[in-house]
Every structure is written in C-alpha cells, then in structure tokens.
C-alpha atoms as a PDB file:
ATOM      1  CA  MET A   1      -7.250  -0.917 -21.356  1.00  0.00           C
ATOM      2  CA  LYS A   2      -3.663   0.670 -21.227  1.00  0.00           C
ATOM      3  CA  GLY A   3      -1.470   1.962 -18.348  1.00  0.00           C
ATOM      4  CA  ILE A   4      -2.199   3.236 -15.930  1.00  0.00           C
ATOM      5  CA  GLU A   5      -5.877   1.317 -16.202  1.00  0.00           C
ATOM      6  CA  ALA A   6      -4.509  -1.765 -16.304  1.00  0.00           C
ATOM      7  CA  TYR A   7      -2.760  -1.790 -13.081  1.00  0.00           C
ATOM      8  CA  ILE A   8      -5.311  -0.513 -11.477  1.00  0.00           C
ATOM      9  CA  GLU A   9      -6.744  -4.017 -12.014  1.00  0.00           C
ATOM     10  CA  THR A  10      -4.819  -5.896 -11.715  1.00  0.00           C
ATOM     11  CA  VAL A  11      -3.744  -4.868  -8.423  1.00  0.00           C
ATOM     12  CA  ARG A  12      -7.532  -5.269  -7.751  1.00  0.00           C
ATOM     13  CA  ALA A  13      -7.813  -9.049  -9.248  1.00  0.00           C
ATOM     14  CA  LEU A  14      -5.573  -9.826  -6.396  1.00  0.00           C
ATOM     15  CA  PRO A  15      -6.619 -12.040  -3.629  1.00  0.00           C
ATOM     16  CA  ALA A  16      -7.307 -10.278  -0.572  1.00  0.00           C
ATOM     17  CA  LEU A  17      -4.667 -12.033   2.386  1.00  0.00           C
ATOM     18  CA  ALA A  18      -6.823 -13.588   5.698  1.00  0.00           C
ATOM     19  CA  PRO A  19      -5.475 -11.845   8.809  1.00  0.00           C
ATOM     20  CA  GLU A  20      -3.607 -14.628   9.927  1.00  0.00           C
ATOM     21  CA  ASP A  21      -1.706 -14.724   6.682  1.00  0.00           C
ATOM     22  CA  ALA A  22      -0.834 -11.108   6.796  1.00  0.00           C
ATOM     23  CA  ARG A  23       0.571 -11.657   9.867  1.00  0.00           C
ATOM     24  CA  SER A  24       2.774 -14.405   8.860  1.00  0.00           C
ATOM     25  CA  LEU A  25       4.140 -13.466   5.773  1.00  0.00           C
ATOM     26  CA  ALA A  26       5.434 -10.492   8.341  1.00  0.00           C
ATOM     27  CA  TRP A  27       7.148 -12.097  10.625  1.00  0.00           C
ATOM     28  CA  LYS A  28       8.295 -14.048   8.162  1.00  0.00           C
ATOM     29  CA  SER A  29       9.295 -10.925   6.491  1.00  0.00           C
ATOM     30  CA  TRP A  30      11.167  -9.001   9.558  1.00  0.00           C
ATOM     31  CA  VAL A  31      13.755 -12.023   9.512  1.00  0.00           C
ATOM     32  CA  GLY A  32      14.550 -11.296   5.834  1.00  0.00           C
ATOM     33  CA  ASP A  33      12.422 -13.711   3.815  1.00  0.00           C
ATOM     34  CA  ARG A  34      12.745 -11.577   0.895  1.00  0.00           C
ATOM     35  CA  ALA A  35       9.826 -13.355  -0.709  1.00  0.00           C
ATOM     36  CA  ALA A  36       8.028 -12.933   1.971  1.00  0.00           C
ATOM     37  CA  ARG A  37       8.322  -9.042   1.733  1.00  0.00           C
ATOM     38  CA  GLN A  38       7.191  -8.703  -1.636  1.00  0.00           C
ATOM     39  CA  ALA A  39       4.852 -10.716  -1.299  1.00  0.00           C
ATOM     40  CA  LEU A  40       3.084  -8.716   1.673  1.00  0.00           C
ATOM     41  CA  ILE A  41       3.628  -5.279  -0.184  1.00  0.00           C
ATOM     42  CA  GLU A  42       1.988  -6.902  -3.717  1.00  0.00           C
ATOM     43  CA  ARG A  43      -1.099  -8.295  -1.398  1.00  0.00           C
ATOM     44  CA  HIS A  44      -1.335  -4.384   0.390  1.00  0.00           C
ATOM     45  CA  LEU A  45      -0.991  -2.244  -2.815  1.00  0.00           C
ATOM     46  CA  TRP A  46      -5.013  -2.577  -3.321  1.00  0.00           C
ATOM     47  CA  LEU A  47      -4.771   0.250  -0.461  1.00  0.00           C
ATOM     48  CA  ALA A  48      -2.483   3.024  -2.249  1.00  0.00           C
ATOM     49  CA  VAL A  49      -4.793   2.349  -5.387  1.00  0.00           C
ATOM     50  CA  ASP A  50      -8.434   2.677  -3.330  1.00  0.00           C
ATOM     51  CA  GLN A  51      -6.246   5.970  -1.581  1.00  0.00           C
ATOM     52  CA  ALA A  52      -4.925   7.026  -4.787  1.00  0.00           C
ATOM     53  CA  VAL A  53      -7.890   6.837  -6.853  1.00  0.00           C
ATOM     54  CA  ARG A  54     -10.443   8.410  -4.036  1.00  0.00           C
ATOM     55  CA  LEU A  55      -7.555  11.695  -4.523  1.00  0.00           C
ATOM     56  CA  ALA A  56      -7.119  12.060  -7.918  1.00  0.00           C
ATOM     57  CA  PRO A  57     -10.749  10.616  -9.353  1.00  0.00           C
ATOM     58  CA  GLU A  58     -10.840  11.727 -12.990  1.00  0.00           C
ATOM     59  CA  GLY A  59      -7.880   9.850 -13.689  1.00  0.00           C
ATOM     60  CA  GLY A  60      -4.947  10.570 -15.963  1.00  0.00           C
ATOM     61  CA  ALA A  61      -1.204  11.320 -14.664  1.00  0.00           C
ATOM     62  CA  ALA A  62      -1.880  13.085 -11.139  1.00  0.00           C
ATOM     63  CA  LEU A  63      -3.034   9.219 -10.804  1.00  0.00           C
ATOM     64  CA  GLY A  64      -0.569   8.176 -11.848  1.00  0.00           C
ATOM     65  CA  TRP A  65       1.845  10.316 -10.023  1.00  0.00           C
ATOM     66  CA  ILE A  66       0.218   9.964  -6.582  1.00  0.00           C
ATOM     67  CA  LEU A  67       0.207   6.070  -7.365  1.00  0.00           C
ATOM     68  CA  ALA A  68       4.322   6.094  -7.507  1.00  0.00           C
ATOM     69  CA  GLY A  69       3.939   8.318  -4.166  1.00  0.00           C
ATOM     70  CA  LEU A  70       1.810   6.353  -2.549  1.00  0.00           C
ATOM     71  CA  ASN A  71       3.515   3.184  -3.986  1.00  0.00           C
ATOM     72  CA  ARG A  72       6.895   4.034  -1.923  1.00  0.00           C
ATOM     73  CA  VAL A  73       4.928   5.172   0.869  1.00  0.00           C
ATOM     74  CA  LEU A  74       3.763   1.728   1.550  1.00  0.00           C
ATOM     75  CA  ILE A  75       7.199   0.335   0.579  1.00  0.00           C
ATOM     76  CA  GLU A  76       8.708   1.961   2.956  1.00  0.00           C
ATOM     77  CA  ALA A  77       5.986   1.564   5.857  1.00  0.00           C
ATOM     78  CA  MET A  78       6.207  -2.404   5.656  1.00  0.00           C
ATOM     79  CA  GLU A  79       9.788  -1.893   6.108  1.00  0.00           C
ATOM     80  CA  ARG A  80       9.280  -0.220   9.279  1.00  0.00           C
ATOM     81  CA  TYR A  81       6.642  -2.821  10.011  1.00  0.00           C
ATOM     82  CA  ARG A  82       7.644  -4.666  13.681  1.00  0.00           C
ATOM     83  CA  PRO A  83       4.929  -7.507  14.127  1.00  0.00           C
ATOM     84  CA  TRP A  84       5.253  -7.499  17.016  1.00  0.00           C
ATOM     85  CA  ALA A  85       4.254  -4.189  17.595  1.00  0.00           C
ATOM     86  CA  ASP A  86       2.332  -2.472  15.135  1.00  0.00           C
ATOM     87  CA  GLY A  87      -1.284  -4.169  15.033  1.00  0.00           C
ATOM     88  CA  ALA A  88      -2.607  -5.725  11.299  1.00  0.00           C
ATOM     89  CA  PRO A  89      -0.570  -4.926   8.668  1.00  0.00           C
ATOM     90  CA  ALA A  90      -2.913  -3.078   6.834  1.00  0.00           C
ATOM     91  CA  GLU A  91      -4.093  -1.040   9.277  1.00  0.00           C
ATOM     92  CA  PHE A  92      -0.042  -0.021   9.935  1.00  0.00           C
ATOM     93  CA  VAL A  93      -0.109   0.837   5.902  1.00  0.00           C
ATOM     94  CA  ARG A  94      -3.793   2.589   5.711  1.00  0.00           C
ATOM     95  CA  ASP A  95      -2.582   4.858   8.190  1.00  0.00           C
ATOM     96  CA  ALA A  96       0.719   5.501   6.589  1.00  0.00           C
ATOM     97  CA  LEU A  97      -1.615   5.687   3.487  1.00  0.00           C
ATOM     98  CA  LEU A  98      -3.334   8.213   4.873  1.00  0.00           C
ATOM     99  CA  ALA A  99      -0.349  10.353   6.739  1.00  0.00           C
ATOM    100  CA  GLU A 100       0.823  10.944   3.954  1.00  0.00           C
ATOM    101  CA  ALA A 101      -2.228  11.494   1.220  1.00  0.00           C
ATOM    102  CA  ALA A 102      -3.596  14.481   4.485  1.00  0.00           C
ATOM    103  CA  LYS A 103       0.177  16.421   3.593  1.00  0.00           C
ATOM    104  CA  GLU A 104      -0.985  16.600   0.000  1.00  0.00           C
ATOM    105  CA  VAL A 105      -4.328  17.671   0.791  1.00  0.00           C
ATOM    106  CA  LEU A 106      -3.751  19.873   3.815  1.00  0.00           C
ATOM    107  CA  PRO A 107      -2.360  23.622   4.107  1.00  0.00           C
ATOM    108  CA  ALA A 108       0.608  23.927   6.012  1.00  0.00           C
ATOM    109  CA  ALA A 109      -0.169  24.418   9.696  1.00  0.00           C
END
C-alpha cells in the first residue's frame, strides 16, 4: 500500500471524536489554542476522505486532487467555525464540503 491509499487508511483509523469533545476542542481553538485546532481538523479529516472517495471511486490522480481540495475546504471551514452559533463541528464541515463538491459536480447556472 502506498500514497493516497495509505493516507485514507490512516485517516479512517483515527478514533471517532465524541460531540462534546469536538465542541470543547472548537472552543479552545476559537480562543487561539493551536493544538486544539490541529486536533479538531485531524479528527474531521474522515469527512473529506469519505466525500472524496464518493466523488472519485476509481481512485488514482483524480482522488488525490479532489482530496487535496476538500482538505483545504475542511481547514477553511474550521477557521470560520463559531462554536456558539454554527452547531456541531462535523455538521458545519459536512455542509462546507457538500457545497464545494456541488460546485464541481453541478453545472453553472
């Protein structure tokens, strides 16, 4: 196993984050705790991985490009996330990822 497959397996092996733990990390991140921000991002990478695999089930270079883009969206979403107003972190990130995926899949209006 190499490359993107190893990355996906590593991300999927990360333990799930309980909602209350995600909320706690989000508050710590909001007040400037960089370790909490990093942990919050890492523990939500599975959302980007799952979405990328759905968009590029054949794998290959397309999967890598899509995953890189969705990881960027994940990071940007966590930077915008407001724990007091935006609901559960996983839902906020999921919505951001779906909005980005829709830009790629749906034709421009």
